[in-house]
C-alpha atoms as a PDB file:
ATOM      1  CA  UNK A   1     -50.093  14.962 -48.623  1.00  0.00           C
ATOM      2  CA  UNK A   2     -50.789  11.835 -50.218  1.00  0.00           C
ATOM      3  CA  UNK A   3     -49.285  12.777 -53.543  1.00  0.00           C
ATOM      4  CA  UNK A   4     -45.651  13.165 -51.563  1.00  0.00           C
ATOM      5  CA  UNK A   5     -46.523   9.523 -50.842  1.00  0.00           C
ATOM      6  CA  UNK A   6     -47.747   8.297 -53.618  1.00  0.00           C
ATOM      7  CA  UNK A   7     -44.400   9.566 -55.644  1.00  0.00           C
ATOM      8  CA  UNK A   8     -41.985   7.775 -53.937  1.00  0.00           C
ATOM      9  CA  UNK A   9     -39.967   4.666 -55.229  1.00  0.00           C
ATOM     10  CA  UNK A  10     -41.614   1.611 -53.584  1.00  0.00           C
ATOM     11  CA  UNK A  11     -37.984   0.802 -51.445  1.00  0.00           C
ATOM     12  CA  UNK A  12     -38.402   4.309 -49.646  1.00  0.00           C
ATOM     13  CA  UNK A  13     -42.341   3.341 -49.229  1.00  0.00           C
ATOM     14  CA  UNK A  14     -41.454   0.179 -47.650  1.00  0.00           C
ATOM     15  CA  UNK A  15     -38.453   1.802 -45.451  1.00  0.00           C
ATOM     16  CA  UNK A  16     -40.950   4.444 -44.310  1.00  0.00           C
ATOM     17  CA  UNK A  17     -43.329   1.374 -43.190  1.00  0.00           C
ATOM     18  CA  UNK A  18     -40.886   0.061 -41.330  1.00  0.00           C
ATOM     19  CA  UNK A  19     -40.160   2.866 -39.325  1.00  0.00           C
ATOM     20  CA  UNK A  20     -43.994   3.735 -38.505  1.00  0.00           C
ATOM     21  CA  UNK A  21     -46.682   1.755 -39.423  1.00  0.00           C
ATOM     22  CA  UNK A  22     -48.715   4.949 -39.669  1.00  0.00           C
ATOM     23  CA  UNK A  23     -47.991   8.749 -40.894  1.00  0.00           C
ATOM     24  CA  UNK A  24     -50.340  10.976 -38.910  1.00  0.00           C
ATOM     25  CA  UNK A  25     -52.689  13.113 -40.827  1.00  0.00           C
ATOM     26  CA  UNK A  26     -51.013  16.040 -38.595  1.00  0.00           C
ATOM     27  CA  UNK A  27     -47.910  15.093 -40.152  1.00  0.00           C
ATOM     28  CA  UNK A  28     -48.809  15.417 -43.500  1.00  0.00           C
ATOM     29  CA  UNK A  29     -49.942  18.887 -43.196  1.00  0.00           C
ATOM     30  CA  UNK A  30     -46.756  19.907 -42.377  1.00  0.00           C
ATOM     31  CA  UNK A  31     -45.013  18.313 -45.195  1.00  0.00           C
ATOM     32  CA  UNK A  32     -47.386  19.830 -47.264  1.00  0.00           C
ATOM     33  CA  UNK A  33     -45.968  23.644 -46.529  1.00  0.00           C
ATOM     34  CA  UNK A  34     -43.374  25.230 -48.954  1.00  0.00           C
ATOM     35  CA  UNK A  35     -40.817  25.423 -46.869  1.00  0.00           C
ATOM     36  CA  UNK A  36     -40.687  21.671 -46.255  1.00  0.00           C
ATOM     37  CA  UNK A  37     -41.295  21.206 -49.904  1.00  0.00           C
ATOM     38  CA  UNK A  38     -38.204  23.029 -50.995  1.00  0.00           C
ATOM     39  CA  UNK A  39     -36.340  19.838 -49.246  1.00  0.00           C
ATOM     40  CA  UNK A  40     -37.865  17.631 -51.950  1.00  0.00           C
ATOM     41  CA  UNK A  41     -35.248  19.299 -54.431  1.00  0.00           C
ATOM     42  CA  UNK A  42     -32.062  18.786 -52.247  1.00  0.00           C
ATOM     43  CA  UNK A  43     -30.264  15.528 -51.883  1.00  0.00           C
ATOM     44  CA  UNK A  44     -30.012  13.864 -48.694  1.00  0.00           C
ATOM     45  CA  UNK A  45     -26.969  12.320 -49.737  1.00  0.00           C
ATOM     46  CA  UNK A  46     -24.723  15.830 -49.533  1.00  0.00           C
ATOM     47  CA  UNK A  47     -23.394  15.982 -53.019  1.00  0.00           C
ATOM     48  CA  UNK A  48     -22.822  12.444 -53.715  1.00  0.00           C
ATOM     49  CA  UNK A  49     -25.401  12.054 -56.870  1.00  0.00           C
ATOM     50  CA  UNK A  50     -23.460  14.665 -58.839  1.00  0.00           C
ATOM     51  CA  UNK A  51     -20.099  12.512 -59.021  1.00  0.00           C
ATOM     52  CA  UNK A  52     -19.271   8.894 -59.787  1.00  0.00           C
ATOM     53  CA  UNK A  53     -17.070   8.603 -56.827  1.00  0.00           C
ATOM     54  CA  UNK A  54     -20.487   7.051 -55.197  1.00  0.00           C
ATOM     55  CA  UNK A  55     -22.729   4.613 -56.744  1.00  0.00           C
ATOM     56  CA  UNK A  56     -25.692   6.370 -55.829  1.00  0.00           C
ATOM     57  CA  UNK A  57     -28.725   3.592 -56.345  1.00  0.00           C
ATOM     58  CA  UNK A  58     -31.698   6.252 -56.172  1.00  0.00           C
ATOM     59  CA  UNK A  59     -32.366  10.050 -55.293  1.00  0.00           C
ATOM     60  CA  UNK A  60     -33.057  10.478 -51.647  1.00  0.00           C
ATOM     61  CA  UNK A  61     -34.205  14.025 -50.605  1.00  0.00           C
ATOM     62  CA  UNK A  62     -33.709  15.865 -47.781  1.00  0.00           C
ATOM     63  CA  UNK A  63     -37.321  16.046 -47.097  1.00  0.00           C
ATOM     64  CA  UNK A  64     -37.407  11.871 -47.330  1.00  0.00           C
ATOM     65  CA  UNK A  65     -34.693  12.391 -44.321  1.00  0.00           C
ATOM     66  CA  UNK A  66     -36.655  14.499 -42.252  1.00  0.00           C
ATOM     67  CA  UNK A  67     -39.866  12.766 -42.732  1.00  0.00           C
ATOM     68  CA  UNK A  68     -38.004   9.422 -41.649  1.00  0.00           C
ATOM     69  CA  UNK A  69     -36.362  10.931 -38.733  1.00  0.00           C
ATOM     70  CA  UNK A  70     -39.779  11.961 -37.908  1.00  0.00           C
ATOM     71  CA  UNK A  71     -41.616   8.826 -38.366  1.00  0.00           C
ATOM     72  CA  UNK A  72     -39.032   7.288 -35.951  1.00  0.00           C
ATOM     73  CA  UNK A  73     -39.438   9.807 -33.526  1.00  0.00           C
ATOM     74  CA  UNK A  74     -43.374   9.100 -33.592  1.00  0.00           C
ATOM     75  CA  UNK A  75     -43.428   5.647 -33.630  1.00  0.00           C
ATOM     76  CA  UNK A  76     -41.212   5.676 -30.188  1.00  0.00           C
ATOM     77  CA  UNK A  77     -43.140   8.702 -28.203  1.00  0.00           C
ATOM     78  CA  UNK A  78     -46.369   9.478 -30.102  1.00  0.00           C
ATOM     79  CA  UNK A  79     -45.642  12.883 -29.141  1.00  0.00           C
ATOM     80  CA  UNK A  80     -46.719  15.855 -31.586  1.00  0.00           C
ATOM     81  CA  UNK A  81     -43.877  18.239 -30.305  1.00  0.00           C
ATOM     82  CA  UNK A  82     -41.003  16.494 -30.596  1.00  0.00           C
ATOM     83  CA  UNK A  83     -41.868  14.481 -34.105  1.00  0.00           C
ATOM     84  CA  UNK A  84     -42.470  17.905 -35.508  1.00  0.00           C
ATOM     85  CA  UNK A  85     -39.184  18.972 -33.837  1.00  0.00           C
ATOM     86  CA  UNK A  86     -37.596  16.028 -35.770  1.00  0.00           C
ATOM     87  CA  UNK A  87     -39.486  17.153 -38.855  1.00  0.00           C
ATOM     88  CA  UNK A  88     -38.085  21.019 -38.926  1.00  0.00           C
ATOM     89  CA  UNK A  89     -33.957  19.873 -38.010  1.00  0.00           C
ATOM     90  CA  UNK A  90     -32.884  20.384 -41.345  1.00  0.00           C
ATOM     91  CA  UNK A  91     -35.441  22.760 -42.626  1.00  0.00           C
ATOM     92  CA  UNK A  92     -32.714  25.486 -42.886  1.00  0.00           C
ATOM     93  CA  UNK A  93     -30.575  23.348 -45.124  1.00  0.00           C
ATOM     94  CA  UNK A  94     -29.337  24.706 -48.011  1.00  0.00           C
ATOM     95  CA  UNK A  95     -28.314  23.220 -51.586  1.00  0.00           C
ATOM     96  CA  UNK A  96     -25.924  20.738 -51.146  1.00  0.00           C
ATOM     97  CA  UNK A  97     -26.022  20.891 -47.574  1.00  0.00           C
ATOM     98  CA  UNK A  98     -23.102  20.087 -45.189  1.00  0.00           C
ATOM     99  CA  UNK A  99     -20.754  20.802 -48.564  1.00  0.00           C
ATOM    100  CA  UNK A 100     -21.848  24.445 -47.512  1.00  0.00           C
ATOM    101  CA  UNK A 101     -20.555  23.614 -43.954  1.00  0.00           C
ATOM    102  CA  UNK A 102     -17.229  23.229 -45.676  1.00  0.00           C
ATOM    103  CA  UNK A 103     -17.660  26.981 -47.777  1.00  0.00           C
ATOM    104  CA  UNK A 104     -18.347  28.176 -44.070  1.00  0.00           C
ATOM    105  CA  UNK A 105     -14.879  26.516 -42.878  1.00  0.00           C
ATOM    106  CA  UNK A 106     -17.309  24.414 -40.645  1.00  0.00           C
ATOM    107  CA  UNK A 107     -15.647  21.045 -41.160  1.00  0.00           C
ATOM    108  CA  UNK A 108     -15.403  19.812 -37.857  1.00  0.00           C
ATOM    109  CA  UNK A 109     -18.888  20.623 -36.285  1.00  0.00           C
ATOM    110  CA  UNK A 110     -20.939  20.899 -39.383  1.00  0.00           C
ATOM    111  CA  UNK A 111     -23.808  23.247 -38.032  1.00  0.00           C
ATOM    112  CA  UNK A 112     -23.380  26.725 -39.581  1.00  0.00           C
ATOM    113  CA  UNK A 113     -26.026  25.954 -42.004  1.00  0.00           C
ATOM    114  CA  UNK A 114     -28.741  25.304 -39.142  1.00  0.00           C
ATOM    115  CA  UNK A 115     -28.731  28.739 -37.688  1.00  0.00           C
ATOM    116  CA  UNK A 116     -31.874  29.536 -39.190  1.00  0.00           C
ATOM    117  CA  UNK A 117     -34.091  26.956 -38.349  1.00  0.00           C
ATOM    118  CA  UNK A 118     -36.294  29.109 -36.065  1.00  0.00           C
ATOM    119  CA  UNK A 119     -36.373  32.468 -38.357  1.00  0.00           C
ATOM    120  CA  UNK A 120     -37.565  29.908 -41.181  1.00  0.00           C
ATOM    121  CA  UNK A 121     -40.307  28.243 -38.967  1.00  0.00           C
ATOM    122  CA  UNK A 122     -41.042  31.497 -37.703  1.00  0.00           C
ATOM    123  CA  UNK A 123     -41.802  33.009 -41.038  1.00  0.00           C
ATOM    124  CA  UNK A 124     -43.800  30.644 -42.510  1.00  0.00           C
ATOM    125  CA  UNK A 125     -47.331  31.562 -42.553  1.00  0.00           C
ATOM    126  CA  UNK A 126     -48.258  28.078 -43.330  1.00  0.00           C
ATOM    127  CA  UNK A 127     -46.265  26.315 -40.401  1.00  0.00           C
ATOM    128  CA  UNK A 128     -47.390  28.818 -37.996  1.00  0.00           C
ATOM    129  CA  UNK A 129     -50.873  28.470 -38.424  1.00  0.00           C
ATOM    130  CA  UNK A 130     -50.607  24.765 -38.256  1.00  0.00           C
ATOM    131  CA  UNK A 131     -48.804  25.159 -34.922  1.00  0.00           C
ATOM    132  CA  UNK A 132     -51.214  27.500 -33.474  1.00  0.00           C
ATOM    133  CA  UNK A 133     -53.827  25.199 -34.321  1.00  0.00           C
ATOM    134  CA  UNK A 134     -52.259  22.279 -32.700  1.00  0.00           C
ATOM    135  CA  UNK A 135     -51.536  24.791 -29.623  1.00  0.00           C
ATOM    136  CA  UNK A 136     -47.651  24.229 -30.150  1.00  0.00           C
ATOM    137  CA  UNK A 137     -45.191  27.039 -29.457  1.00  0.00           C
ATOM    138  CA  UNK A 138     -42.262  27.928 -32.001  1.00  0.00           C
ATOM    139  CA  UNK A 139     -39.965  27.395 -29.063  1.00  0.00           C
ATOM    140  CA  UNK A 140     -41.426  23.804 -28.420  1.00  0.00           C
ATOM    141  CA  UNK A 141     -40.401  22.602 -32.152  1.00  0.00           C
ATOM    142  CA  UNK A 142     -37.403  24.804 -33.571  1.00  0.00           C
ATOM    143  CA  UNK A 143     -34.687  23.075 -31.741  1.00  0.00           C
ATOM    144  CA  UNK A 144     -34.805  19.050 -32.288  1.00  0.00           C
ATOM    145  CA  UNK A 145     -31.814  18.882 -29.734  1.00  0.00           C
ATOM    146  CA  UNK A 146     -34.264  19.668 -26.901  1.00  0.00           C
ATOM    147  CA  UNK A 147     -35.448  16.035 -27.337  1.00  0.00           C
ATOM    148  CA  UNK A 148     -33.084  13.440 -26.605  1.00  0.00           C
ATOM    149  CA  UNK A 149     -34.940  10.729 -28.599  1.00  0.00           C
ATOM    150  CA  UNK A 150     -34.510  12.894 -31.710  1.00  0.00           C
ATOM    151  CA  UNK A 151     -30.937  14.052 -31.303  1.00  0.00           C
ATOM    152  CA  UNK A 152     -28.165  13.684 -28.516  1.00  0.00           C
ATOM    153  CA  UNK A 153     -24.335  14.118 -28.599  1.00  0.00           C
ATOM    154  CA  UNK A 154     -21.814  11.818 -30.543  1.00  0.00           C
ATOM    155  CA  UNK A 155     -21.534   8.691 -30.309  1.00  0.00           C
ATOM    156  CA  UNK A 156     -25.064   8.043 -28.589  1.00  0.00           C
ATOM    157  CA  UNK A 157     -28.244   6.862 -30.870  1.00  0.00           C
ATOM    158  CA  UNK A 158     -31.022   9.134 -31.598  1.00  0.00           C
ATOM    159  CA  UNK A 159     -33.407   9.288 -34.682  1.00  0.00           C
ATOM    160  CA  UNK A 160     -31.497  11.790 -36.705  1.00  0.00           C
ATOM    161  CA  UNK A 161     -28.625   9.474 -36.394  1.00  0.00           C
ATOM    162  CA  UNK A 162     -30.151   6.189 -36.853  1.00  0.00           C
ATOM    163  CA  UNK A 163     -31.995   7.347 -39.874  1.00  0.00           C
ATOM    164  CA  UNK A 164     -29.125   8.687 -42.008  1.00  0.00           C
ATOM    165  CA  UNK A 165     -27.643   5.335 -40.977  1.00  0.00           C
ATOM    166  CA  UNK A 166     -30.314   2.996 -42.819  1.00  0.00           C
ATOM    167  CA  UNK A 167     -30.841   5.576 -45.493  1.00  0.00           C
ATOM    168  CA  UNK A 168     -27.743   6.188 -46.488  1.00  0.00           C
ATOM    169  CA  UNK A 169     -26.591   2.284 -46.506  1.00  0.00           C
ATOM    170  CA  UNK A 170     -29.804   1.917 -48.532  1.00  0.00           C
ATOM    171  CA  UNK A 171     -28.696   4.396 -51.089  1.00  0.00           C
ATOM    172  CA  UNK A 172     -25.137   4.243 -51.463  1.00  0.00           C
ATOM    173  CA  UNK A 173     -23.295   1.693 -49.341  1.00  0.00           C
ATOM    174  CA  UNK A 174     -23.570  -2.022 -50.040  1.00  0.00           C
ATOM    175  CA  UNK A 175     -24.834  -3.134 -46.850  1.00  0.00           C
ATOM    176  CA  UNK A 176     -28.508  -4.069 -45.108  1.00  0.00           C
ATOM    177  CA  UNK A 177     -31.230  -4.667 -47.488  1.00  0.00           C
ATOM    178  CA  UNK A 178     -34.676  -3.641 -46.015  1.00  0.00           C
ATOM    179  CA  UNK A 179     -35.318  -6.982 -44.372  1.00  0.00           C
ATOM    180  CA  UNK A 180     -32.156  -6.663 -42.493  1.00  0.00           C
ATOM    181  CA  UNK A 181     -33.187  -3.304 -41.588  1.00  0.00           C
ATOM    182  CA  UNK A 182     -36.394  -4.338 -40.170  1.00  0.00           C
ATOM    183  CA  UNK A 183     -34.958  -6.929 -38.036  1.00  0.00           C
ATOM    184  CA  UNK A 184     -32.379  -4.253 -36.592  1.00  0.00           C
ATOM    185  CA  UNK A 185     -35.466  -1.749 -35.858  1.00  0.00           C
ATOM    186  CA  UNK A 186     -37.823  -4.154 -34.407  1.00  0.00           C
ATOM    187  CA  UNK A 187     -34.926  -4.542 -31.433  1.00  0.00           C
ATOM    188  CA  UNK A 188     -34.561  -0.780 -30.411  1.00  0.00           C
ATOM    189  CA  UNK A 189     -36.749   0.478 -27.842  1.00  0.00           C
ATOM    190  CA  UNK A 190     -36.434   3.566 -25.594  1.00  0.00           C
ATOM    191  CA  UNK A 191     -34.061   2.732 -22.198  1.00  0.00           C
ATOM    192  CA  UNK A 192     -32.084   5.169 -19.573  1.00  0.00           C
ATOM    193  CA  UNK A 193     -28.659   5.878 -20.449  1.00  0.00           C
ATOM    194  CA  UNK A 194     -25.925   6.488 -18.273  1.00  0.00           C
ATOM    195  CA  UNK A 195     -26.837   9.868 -17.146  1.00  0.00           C
ATOM    196  CA  UNK A 196     -30.414   8.622 -16.461  1.00  0.00           C
ATOM    197  CA  UNK A 197     -31.475   9.992 -19.720  1.00  0.00           C
ATOM    198  CA  UNK A 198     -33.833   8.518 -22.637  1.00  0.00           C
ATOM    199  CA  UNK A 199     -32.084   6.770 -25.648  1.00  0.00           C
ATOM    200  CA  UNK A 200     -32.672   4.549 -28.203  1.00  0.00           C
ATOM    201  CA  UNK A 201     -30.931   1.409 -27.701  1.00  0.00           C
ATOM    202  CA  UNK A 202     -31.206  -2.295 -28.807  1.00  0.00           C
ATOM    203  CA  UNK A 203     -32.681  -5.063 -26.638  1.00  0.00           C
ATOM    204  CA  UNK A 204     -29.977  -7.693 -27.967  1.00  0.00           C
ATOM    205  CA  UNK A 205     -26.152  -7.601 -27.838  1.00  0.00           C
ATOM    206  CA  UNK A 206     -26.331  -9.664 -30.694  1.00  0.00           C
ATOM    207  CA  UNK A 207     -28.120  -7.064 -32.940  1.00  0.00           C
ATOM    208  CA  UNK A 208     -26.265  -3.960 -31.632  1.00  0.00           C
ATOM    209  CA  UNK A 209     -23.537  -5.709 -32.740  1.00  0.00           C
ATOM    210  CA  UNK A 210     -24.839  -6.172 -36.341  1.00  0.00           C
ATOM    211  CA  UNK A 211     -25.703  -2.821 -36.326  1.00  0.00           C
ATOM    212  CA  UNK A 212     -22.120  -1.720 -35.362  1.00  0.00           C
ATOM    213  CA  UNK A 213     -20.194  -3.933 -38.017  1.00  0.00           C
ATOM    214  CA  UNK A 214     -22.786  -2.397 -40.723  1.00  0.00           C
ATOM    215  CA  UNK A 215     -22.855   0.834 -39.803  1.00  0.00           C
ATOM    216  CA  UNK A 216     -18.716   1.238 -39.611  1.00  0.00           C
ATOM    217  CA  UNK A 217     -19.218   0.933 -43.398  1.00  0.00           C
ATOM    218  CA  UNK A 218     -20.868   3.946 -43.273  1.00  0.00           C
ATOM    219  CA  UNK A 219     -18.265   5.710 -40.724  1.00  0.00           C
ATOM    220  CA  UNK A 220     -15.286   4.804 -43.010  1.00  0.00           C
ATOM    221  CA  UNK A 221     -16.862   6.447 -46.024  1.00  0.00           C
ATOM    222  CA  UNK A 222     -17.710   9.686 -43.809  1.00  0.00           C
ATOM    223  CA  UNK A 223     -13.860   9.860 -43.163  1.00  0.00           C
ATOM    224  CA  UNK A 224     -12.828   8.820 -46.625  1.00  0.00           C
ATOM    225  CA  UNK A 225     -10.901  11.468 -48.671  1.00  0.00           C
ATOM    226  CA  UNK A 226     -13.100  10.709 -51.320  1.00  0.00           C
ATOM    227  CA  UNK A 227     -15.781  12.072 -49.190  1.00  0.00           C
ATOM    228  CA  UNK A 228     -13.723  15.065 -48.001  1.00  0.00           C
ATOM    229  CA  UNK A 229     -12.867  15.625 -51.930  1.00  0.00           C
ATOM    230  CA  UNK A 230     -16.122  15.836 -52.713  1.00  0.00           C
ATOM    231  CA  UNK A 231     -17.742  18.182 -50.140  1.00  0.00           C
ATOM    232  CA  UNK A 232     -14.856  20.920 -50.583  1.00  0.00           C
ATOM    233  CA  UNK A 233     -15.043  20.483 -54.365  1.00  0.00           C
ATOM    234  CA  UNK A 234     -18.839  21.648 -54.502  1.00  0.00           C
ATOM    235  CA  UNK A 235     -17.894  24.180 -51.734  1.00  0.00           C
ATOM    236  CA  UNK A 236     -14.940  25.817 -54.308  1.00  0.00           C
ATOM    237  CA  UNK A 237     -17.213  25.819 -57.005  1.00  0.00           C
ATOM    238  CA  UNK A 238     -20.019  27.586 -55.546  1.00  0.00           C
ATOM    239  CA  UNK A 239     -17.442  29.689 -53.959  1.00  0.00           C
ATOM    240  CA  UNK A 240     -16.005  30.545 -57.630  1.00  0.00           C
ATOM    241  CA  UNK A 241     -19.414  30.915 -59.024  1.00  0.00           C
ATOM    242  CA  UNK A 242     -20.186  33.221 -56.321  1.00  0.00           C
ATOM    243  CA  UNK A 243     -16.939  35.318 -57.078  1.00  0.00           C
ATOM    244  CA  UNK A 244     -17.998  35.505 -60.301  1.00  0.00           C
ATOM    245  CA  UNK A 245     -21.647  36.894 -59.303  1.00  0.00           C
ATOM    246  CA  UNK A 246     -22.954  34.260 -61.053  1.00  0.00           C
ATOM    247  CA  UNK A 247     -24.515  32.751 -57.717  1.00  0.00           C
ATOM    248  CA  UNK A 248     -25.493  34.218 -54.700  1.00  0.00           C
ATOM    249  CA  UNK A 249     -26.418  32.953 -50.950  1.00  0.00           C
ATOM    250  CA  UNK A 250     -30.190  33.116 -51.489  1.00  0.00           C
ATOM    251  CA  UNK A 251     -30.106  30.989 -54.734  1.00  0.00           C
ATOM    252  CA  UNK A 252     -28.794  27.932 -52.424  1.00  0.00           C
ATOM    253  CA  UNK A 253     -32.515  28.565 -50.462  1.00  0.00           C
ATOM    254  CA  UNK A 254     -34.377  28.962 -53.640  1.00  0.00           C
ATOM    255  CA  UNK A 255     -33.205  26.795 -56.161  1.00  0.00           C
ATOM    256  CA  UNK A 256     -33.062  23.234 -56.656  1.00  0.00           C
ATOM    257  CA  UNK A 257     -29.598  21.030 -56.587  1.00  0.00           C
ATOM    258  CA  UNK A 258     -30.555  20.180 -60.334  1.00  0.00           C
ATOM    259  CA  UNK A 259     -31.124  23.919 -61.125  1.00  0.00           C
ATOM    260  CA  UNK A 260     -27.941  24.991 -59.741  1.00  0.00           C
ATOM    261  CA  UNK A 261     -26.087  22.214 -61.215  1.00  0.00           C
ATOM    262  CA  UNK A 262     -27.339  23.507 -64.820  1.00  0.00           C
ATOM    263  CA  UNK A 263     -26.204  27.053 -64.077  1.00  0.00           C
ATOM    264  CA  UNK A 264     -22.725  25.539 -63.170  1.00  0.00           C
ATOM    265  CA  UNK A 265     -22.364  23.571 -66.159  1.00  0.00           C
ATOM    266  CA  UNK A 266     -23.473  26.300 -68.558  1.00  0.00           C
ATOM    267  CA  UNK A 267     -21.390  28.728 -66.556  1.00  0.00           C
ATOM    268  CA  UNK A 268     -19.516  30.913 -69.119  1.00  0.00           C
ATOM    269  CA  UNK A 269     -16.357  30.889 -67.284  1.00  0.00           C
ATOM    270  CA  UNK A 270     -14.648  27.247 -68.665  1.00  0.00           C
ATOM    271  CA  UNK A 271     -12.545  26.892 -65.766  1.00  0.00           C
ATOM    272  CA  UNK A 272     -15.398  26.264 -63.748  1.00  0.00           C
ATOM    273  CA  UNK A 273     -17.778  24.497 -66.210  1.00  0.00           C
ATOM    274  CA  UNK A 274     -15.028  22.155 -67.431  1.00  0.00           C
ATOM    275  CA  UNK A 275     -13.921  21.130 -64.025  1.00  0.00           C
ATOM    276  CA  UNK A 276     -17.204  20.218 -62.875  1.00  0.00           C
ATOM    277  CA  UNK A 277     -17.689  18.068 -65.685  1.00  0.00           C
ATOM    278  CA  UNK A 278     -14.731  16.113 -64.751  1.00  0.00           C
ATOM    279  CA  UNK A 279     -15.868  16.202 -61.592  1.00  0.00           C
ATOM    280  CA  UNK A 280     -19.174  14.411 -62.528  1.00  0.00           C
ATOM    281  CA  UNK A 281     -16.913  12.186 -64.447  1.00  0.00           C
ATOM    282  CA  UNK A 282     -14.412  11.163 -61.567  1.00  0.00           C
ATOM    283  CA  UNK A 283     -15.003   7.667 -60.357  1.00  0.00           C
ATOM    284  CA  UNK A 284     -11.686   7.096 -58.269  1.00  0.00           C
ATOM    285  CA  UNK A 285      -8.920   9.479 -56.505  1.00  0.00           C
ATOM    286  CA  UNK A 286      -5.380   9.542 -55.715  1.00  0.00           C
ATOM    287  CA  UNK A 287      -4.243   9.250 -52.026  1.00  0.00           C
ATOM    288  CA  UNK A 288      -0.817   9.535 -50.365  1.00  0.00           C
ATOM    289  CA  UNK A 289       1.212  11.353 -47.646  1.00  0.00           C
ATOM    290  CA  UNK A 290       2.414  14.184 -49.999  1.00  0.00           C
ATOM    291  CA  UNK A 291       0.707  17.196 -51.322  1.00  0.00           C
ATOM    292  CA  UNK A 292       0.681  15.987 -55.159  1.00  0.00           C
ATOM    293  CA  UNK A 293       1.284  18.830 -58.007  1.00  0.00           C
ATOM    294  CA  UNK A 294      -1.041  19.799 -60.391  1.00  0.00           C
ATOM    295  CA  UNK A 295      -3.941  18.235 -58.989  1.00  0.00           C
ATOM    296  CA  UNK A 296      -7.229  19.452 -57.094  1.00  0.00           C
ATOM    297  CA  UNK A 297      -6.483  18.114 -53.510  1.00  0.00           C
ATOM    298  CA  UNK A 298      -7.382  17.985 -49.728  1.00  0.00           C
ATOM    299  CA  UNK A 299      -6.131  17.339 -46.546  1.00  0.00           C
ATOM    300  CA  UNK A 300      -8.682  17.913 -43.666  1.00  0.00           C
ATOM    301  CA  UNK A 301      -9.846  17.323 -40.214  1.00  0.00           C
ATOM    302  CA  UNK A 302     -13.144  16.629 -40.137  1.00  0.00           C
ATOM    303  CA  UNK A 303     -16.466  15.999 -37.787  1.00  0.00           C
ATOM    304  CA  UNK A 304     -15.955  12.145 -36.763  1.00  0.00           C
ATOM    305  CA  UNK A 305     -19.241  10.125 -37.021  1.00  0.00           C
ATOM    306  CA  UNK A 306     -19.830   6.826 -35.679  1.00  0.00           C
ATOM    307  CA  UNK A 307     -22.227   5.439 -32.797  1.00  0.00           C
ATOM    308  CA  UNK A 308     -22.015   3.569 -29.759  1.00  0.00           C
ATOM    309  CA  UNK A 309     -25.426   2.410 -28.937  1.00  0.00           C
ATOM    310  CA  UNK A 310     -26.949   1.221 -25.815  1.00  0.00           C
ATOM    311  CA  UNK A 311     -27.747  -2.705 -25.623  1.00  0.00           C
ATOM    312  CA  UNK A 312     -29.693  -4.043 -22.587  1.00  0.00           C
ATOM    313  CA  UNK A 313     -28.752  -0.827 -21.089  1.00  0.00           C
ATOM    314  CA  UNK A 314     -25.084  -0.656 -21.671  1.00  0.00           C
ATOM    315  CA  UNK A 315     -22.799   0.572 -24.318  1.00  0.00           C
ATOM    316  CA  UNK A 316     -22.177  -2.116 -26.631  1.00  0.00           C
ATOM    317  CA  UNK A 317     -18.508  -1.207 -26.515  1.00  0.00           C
ATOM    318  CA  UNK A 318     -18.166  -2.322 -22.576  1.00  0.00           C
ATOM    319  CA  UNK A 319     -20.028  -5.836 -22.926  1.00  0.00           C
ATOM    320  CA  UNK A 320     -19.005  -6.648 -26.930  1.00  0.00           C
ATOM    321  CA  UNK A 321     -15.260  -6.973 -27.273  1.00  0.00           C
ATOM    322  CA  UNK A 322     -16.635  -7.427 -31.396  1.00  0.00           C
ATOM    323  CA  UNK A 323     -18.241  -4.385 -31.127  1.00  0.00           C
ATOM    324  CA  UNK A 324     -15.610  -2.382 -29.119  1.00  0.00           C
ATOM    325  CA  UNK A 325     -12.788  -3.397 -31.827  1.00  0.00           C
ATOM    326  CA  UNK A 326     -15.007  -2.089 -34.694  1.00  0.00           C
ATOM    327  CA  UNK A 327     -15.224   1.233 -32.984  1.00  0.00           C
ATOM    328  CA  UNK A 328     -11.883   1.800 -31.606  1.00  0.00           C
ATOM    329  CA  UNK A 329     -10.589   0.907 -35.592  1.00  0.00           C
ATOM    330  CA  UNK A 330     -13.192   3.705 -36.676  1.00  0.00           C
ATOM    331  CA  UNK A 331     -12.795   6.213 -34.003  1.00  0.00           C
ATOM    332  CA  UNK A 332      -8.904   5.812 -34.335  1.00  0.00           C
ATOM    333  CA  UNK A 333      -8.535   5.880 -38.192  1.00  0.00           C
ATOM    334  CA  UNK A 334      -7.572   8.283 -40.582  1.00  0.00           C
ATOM    335  CA  UNK A 335      -7.232   8.576 -44.395  1.00  0.00           C
ATOM    336  CA  UNK A 336      -3.966   9.044 -45.791  1.00  0.00           C
ATOM    337  CA  UNK A 337      -2.964  13.061 -45.419  1.00  0.00           C
ATOM    338  CA  UNK A 338      -3.825  13.835 -48.834  1.00  0.00           C
ATOM    339  CA  UNK A 339      -6.961  12.870 -51.539  1.00  0.00           C
ATOM    340  CA  UNK A 340      -6.382  14.311 -54.943  1.00  0.00           C
ATOM    341  CA  UNK A 341      -8.733  13.965 -58.243  1.00  0.00           C
ATOM    342  CA  UNK A 342      -6.775  13.873 -61.716  1.00  0.00           C
ATOM    343  CA  UNK A 343      -7.269  17.436 -62.749  1.00  0.00           C
ATOM    344  CA  UNK A 344      -6.233  20.939 -61.380  1.00  0.00           C
ATOM    345  CA  UNK A 345      -8.734  23.451 -60.377  1.00  0.00           C
END
């Protein structure tokens, strides 16, 4: 799928080259399938692109995230099955990704949109033909949690968590540049954790500290009222569109995000279209401990995202007071009880 690589902007190309010196030919064939190509029209940034609340520097698709995860796994394992499991891990993602978890009431786990992964792979003639050719069974690639290098439980480090940390910081957090990502990535290797299970970890305490310090900017963002407002607002917009029979669940899996955004903006119900236009122009929020009147507000407990990586075989918070302090502050952080936008909906 050379055309996929050619159309990427220069930063993503260089970033992918950092993750793996090669993109194996077999991976390009799987990327070419319609089910994977669909993800190229879905942002990896979970709705951040559609409001000025976030300073998104460039579009980064769910396909690029999936390829990034696959490249990390390939770089460290050279294992086709693990690499493909990583590539497929978001194949069931709808438009707006985890915003739809909010729609489903799944704030704390945010996995409701991943339940159809196996079914989508199984129903793809192109993917199943490639798997048969490569002598790989469906059950070996339809659940990336089988492979701890690909995914593991929070707060451990795995390819998925590492990739979105790197790419999110590149795209909307003012943090590391590509040279700093290269420095951090070069220090990572596979090691055994306290449960004698393989896990990605850092060779040096200094680089692990740098990773924790830089990534903490993203972890705070995940817990912010700004992020909660964005996700819940998009969920509520989709819900109202659905209630008016203007959109259905299938649309989230066959239409691009840009197409759905146009549907919302051109909606005949002004309370929906006008609210969405205001959301798109919003560049700040209000926060406080009391619920405001006549404002669109949220007050939610959501999934906490942070990483406590290994460094030389031990958890960084056990051997670095600096990292321990950062991690404890993030894990105990609570945003003000309410966040709101300057309009009602």
